[in-house]
Amino acid sequence: MQFDDVTVGALDQPLVSAEVIAELPPMVECRISFERPRVADVVEAVRQSLAQLPALAEMKPGQTVAITAGSRGINNIVSILRSACAGLRERGLRPVVVSAMGSHGGDTSHGQRQLLASLGIDGLALGDVPLLCSTDTVEVGRTQDGRPVKIDAFCAREADGVLVINRIKPHTAFRSSTESGLLKMIAVGLGHQSGAASVHAEGAAKMGATVREMAAVAMGALPIVGGLAIVENGYEETAEIVPLTPAEFVPGEERLLAWARALMPRLPVREADLLVIEQIGKEISGTGMDTNVHGRWGASDPGPAAGSSPSYARLVVLDLTEASHGNATGIGLADFTTERVVRAFDRKSTYTNCLTSTYVDRARLPLFLPDDRQAIAAAVVSLGAARDRSRLRVVQIKDTLHLETFRISTPLLTELGLSAATGGACVAGSAVRVVGEPVPMQFDEAGNLARLA
């Protein structure tokens, strides 16, 4: 269900003159340094973590342990899952990896398997371990207000134990003491489409509490043996792998979320006229592009208090990653995009995702132009003729996950206290340095913007 061709209301001639880009100030490439704690040996860290889960030691040889695998692009996730499987086999247990991704993958077994494969997760990569992708759920209990809690049927009926593995990080749709992590993997991931729908039905303001309540019901019914909580640094590297017993899930997540938030990569530019994002995708963020980075939350989600998020007057998205398999959730937060993104847009997976989350505005199509050059030119024109284009503050990033290298227009150099001569400066606690000479925006003959490495 993709747009095979973009023909409706086709533009027979350019909507705006691409010459306006020549009026923009030059762009300068910069790099930023983040705090960088790292796990030296992921395999050994997983081995040691499993040894700290008492419930695993109590299991009998031959028993089955279900291990969760989500849809996020977590660094080292294949090694972590493979090591967990190997560790369970050393104990004589039978590991089975199960898909746990809410409504992602179009809420189909094929879609889930395809999404996991794009992340490198398959039975062979995991050490010839069964990979179960199913959308079947069973009701395991009800919340205090009578809401049914449904969980993956295999985990609820057949597994002798469940090992929950997920990354702890700030969420892109709500704020709470616990956000993305083990609890959400249980309530939403293992709840499949019904779990995701139940959590989102309460709205962003209640999502944190709803996740904890539904997870508590599920944990009372499932044979959960523990969890491995992953924290990443600003370079998308594994900063720590923390074993948590079921009793430690809530306090452990609260503590690790605070650390993950401190390690999260941020742009040194809090306000600008134009933000150009080269690509969005589900493996980058659940919202395609992290709302914590660009500051757009959408009409259906008020987000944090005004003034606490970055603010960019115009946002342009140039591409959709292949690993998204057409799920363009989040594109509705952009102002402009390209026909390339629209052609890749898969309505079934995108609409399923956004209907389940209730954030339908994140599936809306922004103004889309034939190529990068025209999309950016349209964004510039939309800022109004009264603005001095030679002084526009422009930022270009690869995506919202990889921020260590970015480009900014020369007016921002002065604001950040940077120059090619001084080399660098400390901005908001992070070291930023100039690594290139000021040059105009570069495009190829097809109108594609020169990408960041």
Protein backbone atom coordinates (compact mmCIF):
# COMPACT_ATOMS: atom_id res chain seq x y z
CA MET A 1 0.00 0.00 0.00
CA GLN A 2 2.63 2.46 -1.11
CA PHE A 3 2.44 5.48 -3.41
CA ASP A 4 3.92 3.88 -6.55
CA ASP A 5 4.03 7.20 -8.35
CA VAL A 6 3.48 10.79 -7.31
CA THR A 7 1.21 12.15 -10.00
CA VAL A 8 -1.69 13.86 -8.22
CA GLY A 9 -1.34 17.58 -8.83
CA ALA A 10 2.13 17.04 -10.29
CA LEU A 11 4.32 20.13 -10.49
CA ASP A 12 4.90 20.83 -14.18
CA GLN A 13 7.40 23.52 -13.24
CA PRO A 14 9.24 24.48 -10.04
CA LEU A 15 6.94 25.86 -7.36
CA VAL A 16 9.59 28.29 -6.14
CA SER A 17 12.89 29.40 -7.57
CA ALA A 18 15.80 27.34 -6.29
CA GLU A 19 17.88 30.48 -6.66
CA VAL A 20 16.78 31.55 -3.17
CA ILE A 21 19.24 28.99 -1.80
CA ALA A 22 22.07 31.06 -3.26
CA GLU A 23 20.95 33.85 -0.92
CA LEU A 24 21.56 31.71 2.17
CA PRO A 25 24.73 32.17 4.23
CA PRO A 26 27.50 29.54 3.82
CA MET A 27 27.37 26.32 5.85
CA VAL A 28 30.15 25.12 8.13
CA GLU A 29 30.67 21.54 9.30
CA CYS A 30 31.11 21.08 13.05
CA ARG A 31 31.58 18.26 15.51
CA ILE A 32 30.41 17.95 19.07
CA SER A 33 31.83 15.74 21.83
CA PHE A 34 29.54 14.01 24.33
CA GLU A 35 30.24 12.13 27.55
CA ARG A 36 31.35 8.65 26.49
CA PRO A 37 31.08 5.83 29.07
CA ARG A 38 31.31 2.49 27.24
CA VAL A 39 31.02 -1.23 27.93
CA ALA A 40 34.38 -2.73 26.96
CA ASP A 41 33.08 -6.27 26.39
CA VAL A 42 29.37 -6.64 25.66
CA VAL A 43 29.46 -10.45 25.68
CA GLU A 44 31.11 -10.54 29.10
CA ALA A 45 28.74 -7.87 30.43
CA VAL A 46 25.73 -9.99 29.42
CA ARG A 47 27.29 -13.10 30.96
CA GLN A 48 27.87 -11.34 34.26
CA SER A 49 24.40 -9.80 34.20
CA LEU A 50 22.67 -13.17 33.78
CA ALA A 51 24.63 -14.47 36.77
CA GLN A 52 23.00 -11.76 38.89
CA LEU A 53 19.43 -12.89 38.22
CA PRO A 54 18.51 -15.40 40.96
CA ALA A 55 15.36 -16.61 39.20
CA LEU A 56 17.44 -17.97 36.32
CA ALA A 57 19.49 -20.12 38.69
CA GLU A 58 16.27 -21.68 39.99
CA MET A 59 15.12 -22.85 36.54
CA LYS A 60 15.48 -26.48 35.54
CA PRO A 61 17.39 -27.77 32.50
CA GLY A 62 15.16 -28.09 29.44
CA GLN A 63 12.84 -25.27 30.42
CA THR A 64 12.05 -22.54 27.87
CA VAL A 65 12.94 -18.88 28.31
CA ALA A 66 11.36 -16.27 26.03
CA ILE A 67 13.63 -13.29 25.28
CA THR A 68 12.11 -10.04 24.01
CA ALA A 69 13.31 -8.40 20.78
CA GLY A 70 11.95 -4.96 19.92
CA SER A 71 11.82 -2.80 16.82
CA ARG A 72 14.31 -0.13 17.88
CA GLY A 73 17.78 0.16 16.37
CA ILE A 74 19.70 -0.54 19.59
CA ASN A 75 23.45 -0.70 19.10
CA ASN A 76 24.93 -4.16 19.84
CA ILE A 77 21.44 -5.64 20.14
CA VAL A 78 22.36 -8.69 18.06
CA SER A 79 25.41 -9.38 20.24
CA ILE A 80 23.36 -8.82 23.39
CA LEU A 81 20.58 -11.16 22.29
CA ARG A 82 23.03 -13.78 21.00
CA SER A 83 25.01 -13.66 24.25
CA ALA A 84 21.85 -13.97 26.30
CA CYS A 85 20.81 -17.01 24.27
CA ALA A 86 24.25 -18.58 24.70
CA GLY A 87 24.20 -17.90 28.43
CA LEU A 88 20.82 -19.60 28.80
CA ARG A 89 21.99 -22.61 26.82
CA GLU A 90 25.02 -22.94 29.10
CA ARG A 91 22.52 -23.39 31.91
CA GLY A 92 20.72 -26.12 29.97
CA LEU A 93 17.77 -23.86 29.18
CA ARG A 94 16.01 -23.41 25.82
CA PRO A 95 15.98 -19.78 24.61
CA VAL A 96 13.31 -18.55 22.20
CA VAL A 97 13.45 -14.95 20.96
CA VAL A 98 10.00 -13.35 20.59
CA SER A 99 9.05 -10.17 18.76
CA ALA A 100 7.89 -7.45 21.14
CA MET A 101 7.09 -4.28 19.23
CA GLY A 102 3.48 -3.26 19.81
CA SER A 103 1.85 -2.36 16.51
CA HIS A 104 5.10 -1.93 14.57
CA GLY A 105 5.69 -4.10 11.54
CA GLY A 106 2.10 -3.39 10.52
CA ASP A 107 0.96 -5.70 13.36
CA THR A 108 1.62 -8.75 11.19
CA SER A 109 3.96 -11.69 11.73
CA HIS A 110 5.62 -11.11 8.36
CA GLY A 111 6.04 -7.41 9.02
CA GLN A 112 7.61 -8.06 12.42
CA ARG A 113 10.02 -10.64 11.04
CA GLN A 114 10.97 -8.31 8.21
CA LEU A 115 11.58 -5.44 10.63
CA LEU A 116 13.75 -7.58 12.93
CA ALA A 117 15.72 -8.86 9.91
CA SER A 118 16.48 -5.26 8.93
CA LEU A 119 18.08 -4.88 12.38
CA GLY A 120 20.18 -8.01 11.83
CA ILE A 121 18.00 -10.11 14.14
CA ASP A 122 17.24 -13.57 12.79
CA GLY A 123 17.57 -17.13 14.05
CA LEU A 124 20.95 -17.70 12.42
CA ALA A 125 22.48 -14.48 13.78
CA LEU A 126 21.24 -15.42 17.24
CA GLY A 127 23.03 -18.76 17.17
CA ASP A 128 20.38 -20.94 15.51
CA VAL A 129 17.78 -19.94 18.10
CA PRO A 130 14.04 -20.01 17.26
CA LEU A 131 12.65 -16.57 16.42
CA LEU A 132 8.92 -16.34 17.08
CA CYS A 133 7.03 -13.49 15.41
CA SER A 134 3.37 -13.57 16.35
CA THR A 135 0.56 -11.11 17.02
CA ASP A 136 -1.47 -13.60 19.11
CA THR A 137 -2.30 -12.40 22.61
CA VAL A 138 -4.23 -13.69 25.62
CA GLU A 139 -5.77 -11.73 28.48
CA VAL A 140 -3.71 -12.17 31.65
CA GLY A 141 -5.64 -9.84 33.94
CA ARG A 142 -7.29 -6.46 34.30
CA THR A 143 -6.29 -3.10 35.70
CA GLN A 144 -8.13 -1.53 38.63
CA ASP A 145 -10.48 0.27 36.27
CA GLY A 146 -11.27 -2.97 34.44
CA ARG A 147 -9.06 -2.49 31.37
CA PRO A 148 -7.95 -5.90 29.98
CA VAL A 149 -4.21 -6.56 29.82
CA LYS A 150 -3.30 -8.75 26.85
CA ILE A 151 0.14 -10.31 26.43
CA ASP A 152 1.91 -12.39 23.79
CA ALA A 153 0.34 -15.87 23.86
CA PHE A 154 3.64 -17.78 23.82
CA CYS A 155 5.04 -15.85 26.78
CA ALA A 156 1.80 -16.23 28.73
CA ARG A 157 1.02 -19.88 28.02
CA GLU A 158 4.15 -21.76 26.98
CA ALA A 159 7.30 -20.08 28.24
CA ASP A 160 8.68 -21.22 31.60
CA GLY A 161 10.47 -17.91 31.98
CA VAL A 162 10.59 -14.49 30.31
CA LEU A 163 13.77 -12.38 30.05
CA VAL A 164 12.99 -8.76 29.16
CA ILE A 165 15.66 -6.85 27.23
CA ASN A 166 15.32 -3.23 26.19
CA ARG A 167 17.04 0.14 26.11
CA ILE A 168 16.21 2.75 28.75
CA LYS A 169 15.73 6.19 27.20
CA PRO A 170 13.52 9.28 27.19
CA HIS A 171 10.31 8.72 25.25
CA THR A 172 9.24 10.83 22.30
CA ALA A 173 5.59 11.16 23.33
CA PHE A 174 5.36 11.53 27.10
CA ARG A 175 7.19 12.50 30.29
CA SER A 176 7.16 10.34 33.43
CA SER A 177 9.46 8.79 36.02
CA THR A 178 9.72 5.76 33.72
CA GLU A 179 9.46 6.06 29.94
CA SER A 180 10.99 3.72 27.34
CA GLY A 181 12.36 0.60 28.98
CA LEU A 182 11.54 -2.81 30.39
CA LEU A 183 8.07 -1.89 31.66
CA LYS A 184 7.04 -0.48 28.29
CA MET A 185 8.49 -3.55 26.56
CA ILE A 186 6.10 -5.67 28.63
CA ALA A 187 2.95 -3.52 28.43
CA VAL A 188 3.31 -2.36 24.82
CA GLY A 189 5.89 -4.63 23.18
CA LEU A 190 4.50 -7.96 24.40
CA GLY A 191 0.98 -6.53 24.32
CA HIS A 192 1.26 -6.17 20.53
CA GLN A 193 -1.35 -3.96 18.88
CA SER A 194 -3.90 -4.29 21.71
CA GLY A 195 -1.32 -3.38 24.34
CA ALA A 196 -0.14 -0.38 22.38
CA ALA A 197 -3.73 0.78 21.83
CA SER A 198 -4.61 0.46 25.53
CA VAL A 199 -1.58 2.45 26.64
CA HIS A 200 -2.10 5.25 24.15
CA ALA A 201 -5.86 5.43 24.75
CA GLU A 202 -5.26 7.25 28.02
CA GLY A 203 -3.34 10.06 26.34
CA ALA A 204 0.21 11.33 26.77
CA ALA A 205 -0.37 12.75 30.25
CA LYS A 206 -1.25 9.32 31.67
CA MET A 207 1.00 7.08 29.58
CA GLY A 208 3.72 6.64 32.20
CA ALA A 209 1.25 5.60 34.90
CA THR A 210 -0.70 3.42 32.45
CA VAL A 211 2.44 1.57 31.35
CA ARG A 212 3.41 0.88 34.96
CA GLU A 213 -0.10 -0.30 35.88
CA MET A 214 -0.44 -2.62 32.89
CA ALA A 215 3.09 -3.94 33.32
CA ALA A 216 2.39 -4.69 36.98
CA VAL A 217 -0.65 -6.78 36.01
CA ALA A 218 1.35 -8.62 33.35
CA MET A 219 4.28 -9.23 35.69
CA GLY A 220 1.91 -10.78 38.21
CA ALA A 221 0.84 -13.31 35.60
CA LEU A 222 4.05 -13.96 33.62
CA PRO A 223 7.07 -16.01 34.77
CA ILE A 224 9.46 -13.06 34.40
CA VAL A 225 12.95 -14.02 35.55
CA GLY A 226 14.46 -10.55 35.19
CA GLY A 227 15.58 -7.96 32.72
CA LEU A 228 18.66 -6.54 31.05
CA ALA A 229 18.42 -2.74 30.89
CA ILE A 230 20.61 -1.11 28.25
CA VAL A 231 21.82 2.47 28.50
CA GLU A 232 23.50 4.14 25.51
CA ASN A 233 25.78 7.17 25.35
CA GLY A 234 25.53 10.08 22.91
CA TYR A 235 27.37 8.10 20.23
CA GLU A 236 24.77 5.28 20.25
CA GLU A 237 27.28 3.04 22.04
CA THR A 238 26.46 0.69 24.91
CA ALA A 239 27.25 2.63 28.08
CA GLU A 240 26.02 -0.03 30.51
CA ILE A 241 24.03 -3.26 30.70
CA VAL A 242 22.23 -3.49 34.03
CA PRO A 243 20.58 -6.68 35.33
CA LEU A 244 17.32 -6.05 37.18
CA THR A 245 15.15 -8.48 39.11
CA PRO A 246 11.40 -8.01 38.63
CA ALA A 247 11.21 -6.18 41.98
CA GLU A 248 13.86 -3.74 40.75
CA PHE A 249 12.19 -2.86 37.44
CA VAL A 250 10.51 0.37 38.61
CA PRO A 251 13.23 1.88 40.84
CA GLY A 252 15.93 0.64 38.47
CA GLU A 253 14.30 2.24 35.45
CA GLU A 254 13.78 5.52 37.30
CA ARG A 255 17.46 5.71 38.16
CA LEU A 256 18.66 4.67 34.70
CA LEU A 257 16.27 7.03 32.90
CA ALA A 258 17.84 10.01 34.66
CA TRP A 259 21.28 8.85 33.52
CA ALA A 260 20.10 8.12 29.97
CA ARG A 261 18.63 11.61 29.77
CA ALA A 262 21.94 13.12 30.87
CA LEU A 263 23.82 11.10 28.22
CA MET A 264 21.36 11.88 25.44
CA PRO A 265 22.91 13.70 22.45
CA ARG A 266 21.70 17.25 21.93
CA LEU A 267 22.38 19.90 19.36
CA PRO A 268 24.10 23.00 20.74
CA VAL A 269 21.62 25.10 18.73
CA ARG A 270 18.35 25.53 20.59
CA GLU A 271 16.69 27.92 18.16
CA ALA A 272 17.05 28.37 14.39
CA ASP A 273 15.10 29.37 11.30
CA LEU A 274 15.52 26.07 9.47
CA LEU A 275 16.40 22.50 10.48
CA VAL A 276 17.19 20.07 7.64
CA ILE A 277 17.03 16.40 8.62
CA GLU A 278 18.51 14.06 6.02
CA GLN A 279 16.54 10.98 7.08
CA ILE A 280 13.94 9.69 9.52
CA GLY A 281 13.12 6.09 10.38
CA LYS A 282 11.65 3.72 12.95
CA GLU A 283 15.09 2.35 13.84
CA ILE A 284 16.15 5.92 14.62
CA SER A 285 13.19 6.78 16.84
CA GLY A 286 9.69 5.53 17.54
CA THR A 287 8.53 8.83 16.07
CA GLY A 288 10.89 8.57 13.11
CA MET A 289 12.79 11.58 14.40
CA ASP A 290 13.28 12.16 18.12
CA THR A 291 11.00 14.89 19.43
CA ASN A 292 13.50 15.59 22.21
CA VAL A 293 15.98 16.73 19.55
CA HIS A 294 13.83 18.81 17.18
CA GLY A 295 11.23 20.00 19.69
CA ARG A 296 8.14 19.24 17.56
CA TRP A 297 5.54 17.20 19.45
CA GLY A 298 2.40 17.67 17.37
CA ALA A 299 -1.17 18.83 17.85
CA SER A 300 -2.24 15.60 19.60
CA ASP A 301 0.64 15.75 22.08
CA PRO A 302 1.42 18.96 23.99
CA GLY A 303 4.89 17.71 24.92
CA PRO A 304 6.98 19.42 27.61
CA ALA A 305 6.31 22.92 28.87
CA ALA A 306 6.80 25.71 26.37
CA GLY A 307 10.37 26.94 26.25
CA SER A 308 11.89 23.70 27.50
CA SER A 309 12.32 22.17 24.04
CA PRO A 310 14.34 23.24 20.99
CA SER A 311 12.51 25.52 18.54
CA TYR A 312 13.01 25.51 14.77
CA ALA A 313 10.75 27.69 12.63
CA ARG A 314 10.81 25.29 9.65
CA LEU A 315 11.65 21.59 9.52
CA VAL A 316 12.55 19.76 6.28
CA VAL A 317 12.88 15.96 6.01
CA LEU A 318 14.69 14.66 2.93
CA ASP A 319 14.49 10.86 3.14
CA LEU A 320 13.02 7.76 4.82
CA THR A 321 15.38 4.93 5.81
CA GLU A 322 15.07 1.54 4.12
CA ALA A 323 14.91 -0.14 7.53
CA SER A 324 11.57 1.62 8.16
CA HIS A 325 9.95 -0.46 5.39
CA GLY A 326 7.72 2.49 4.52
CA ASN A 327 6.63 3.33 8.06
CA ALA A 328 6.86 7.12 7.89
CA THR A 329 5.48 7.84 11.34
CA GLY A 330 6.62 11.31 12.36
CA ILE A 331 6.65 12.84 8.89
CA GLY A 332 3.61 14.89 9.90
CA LEU A 333 5.82 16.86 12.28
CA ALA A 334 7.80 18.22 9.33
CA ASP A 335 6.81 21.24 7.26
CA PHE A 336 8.39 20.10 3.98
CA THR A 337 9.64 16.85 2.48
CA THR A 338 10.46 15.26 -0.88
CA GLU A 339 8.59 13.13 -3.40
CA ARG A 340 11.13 10.42 -2.58
CA VAL A 341 9.70 10.15 0.95
CA VAL A 342 6.14 10.10 -0.35
CA ARG A 343 6.94 7.27 -2.78
CA ALA A 344 8.40 5.24 0.10
CA PHE A 345 5.40 6.02 2.36
CA ASP A 346 3.55 2.79 3.23
CA ARG A 347 0.07 3.71 4.36
CA LYS A 348 -0.77 0.44 6.09
CA SER A 349 2.22 0.37 8.45
CA THR A 350 2.22 4.14 9.01
CA TYR A 351 -1.53 4.41 9.58
CA THR A 352 -1.60 1.32 11.83
CA ASN A 353 1.17 2.80 13.94
CA CYS A 354 -0.44 6.24 14.22
CA LEU A 355 -4.00 5.01 14.75
CA THR A 356 -2.76 2.78 17.56
CA SER A 357 -0.79 5.59 19.20
CA THR A 358 -3.69 8.03 18.56
CA TYR A 359 -1.13 10.60 17.31
CA VAL A 360 -2.69 10.76 13.85
CA ASP A 361 -1.11 14.11 12.99
CA ARG A 362 2.26 12.35 12.85
CA ALA A 363 1.10 10.50 9.71
CA ARG A 364 0.04 13.60 7.79
CA LEU A 365 1.96 14.51 4.67
CA PRO A 366 3.67 17.91 4.71
CA LEU A 367 4.27 19.91 1.54
CA PHE A 368 6.35 17.64 -0.69
CA LEU A 369 8.60 18.81 -3.51
CA PRO A 370 10.40 16.93 -6.31
CA ASP A 371 13.88 17.03 -4.74
CA ASP A 372 16.00 18.25 -1.81
CA ARG A 373 16.86 21.58 -3.43
CA GLN A 374 13.23 22.50 -4.10
CA ALA A 375 12.06 21.33 -0.67
CA ILE A 376 14.66 23.49 1.07
CA ALA A 377 13.96 26.43 -1.25
CA ALA A 378 10.23 26.19 -0.45
CA ALA A 379 11.02 26.19 3.28
CA VAL A 380 13.15 29.33 2.84
CA VAL A 381 10.42 31.12 0.88
CA SER A 382 7.84 30.16 3.52
CA LEU A 383 9.80 32.12 6.14
CA GLY A 384 8.71 35.30 4.36
CA ALA A 385 10.34 37.88 2.13
CA ALA A 386 10.89 40.26 5.06
CA ARG A 387 13.64 38.05 6.50
CA ASP A 388 17.22 38.74 5.52
CA ARG A 389 18.09 35.40 3.93
CA SER A 390 21.81 36.11 4.20
CA ARG A 391 21.43 35.94 7.99
CA LEU A 392 19.18 32.89 8.30
CA ARG A 393 20.17 30.41 11.00
CA VAL A 394 20.23 26.99 9.34
CA VAL A 395 21.11 23.57 10.79
CA GLN A 396 21.65 20.30 8.89
CA ILE A 397 21.84 16.91 10.62
CA LYS A 398 21.98 13.30 9.38
CA ASP A 399 19.17 12.21 11.72
CA THR A 400 18.16 12.75 15.34
CA LEU A 401 20.24 9.81 16.57
CA HIS A 402 23.58 10.77 15.03
CA LEU A 403 24.36 14.33 16.06
CA GLU A 404 28.13 14.26 16.56
CA THR A 405 28.61 15.84 13.10
CA PHE A 406 26.36 18.61 11.81
CA ARG A 407 26.38 21.73 9.64
CA ILE A 408 25.34 25.23 10.63
CA SER A 409 25.12 28.51 8.75
CA THR A 410 27.76 31.11 9.54
CA PRO A 411 25.45 33.41 11.58
CA LEU A 412 25.24 30.61 14.16
CA LEU A 413 29.03 30.53 14.52
CA THR A 414 28.94 33.89 16.25
CA GLU A 415 26.01 32.88 18.46
CA LEU A 416 27.87 29.76 19.59
CA GLY A 417 31.17 31.57 20.05
CA LEU A 418 32.81 29.52 17.31
CA SER A 419 35.19 30.36 14.50
CA ALA A 420 37.56 28.49 12.21
CA ALA A 421 40.42 30.42 13.83
CA THR A 422 39.72 29.47 17.44
CA GLY A 423 38.77 25.91 16.47
CA GLY A 424 36.23 25.22 19.18
CA ALA A 425 34.30 26.24 22.27
CA CYS A 426 32.29 24.80 25.11
CA VAL A 427 28.57 25.10 24.37
CA ALA A 428 26.03 23.98 26.98
CA GLY A 429 28.63 21.75 28.60
CA SER A 430 29.72 20.04 25.37
CA ALA A 431 32.86 20.66 23.32
CA VAL A 432 32.03 21.93 19.82
CA ARG A 433 34.61 22.53 17.11
CA VAL A 434 34.66 23.67 13.50
CA VAL A 435 36.05 21.05 11.09
CA GLY A 436 35.42 22.63 7.69
CA GLU A 437 35.51 25.85 5.74
CA PRO A 438 32.36 27.90 5.08
CA VAL A 439 30.82 26.80 1.75
CA PRO A 440 27.39 27.28 0.14
CA MET A 441 24.91 24.41 0.34
CA GLN A 442 26.07 21.76 -2.14
CA PHE A 443 23.70 19.86 -4.46
CA ASP A 444 24.27 17.35 -7.25
CA GLU A 445 22.65 17.53 -10.70
CA ALA A 446 19.59 15.67 -9.45
CA GLY A 447 19.01 18.26 -6.73
CA ASN A 448 20.22 16.05 -3.87
CA LEU A 449 21.83 17.84 -0.92
CA ALA A 450 25.38 16.77 -0.04
CA ARG A 451 24.98 14.41 2.90
CA LEU A 452 26.95 14.31 6.12
CA ALA A 453 29.36 11.39 6.45
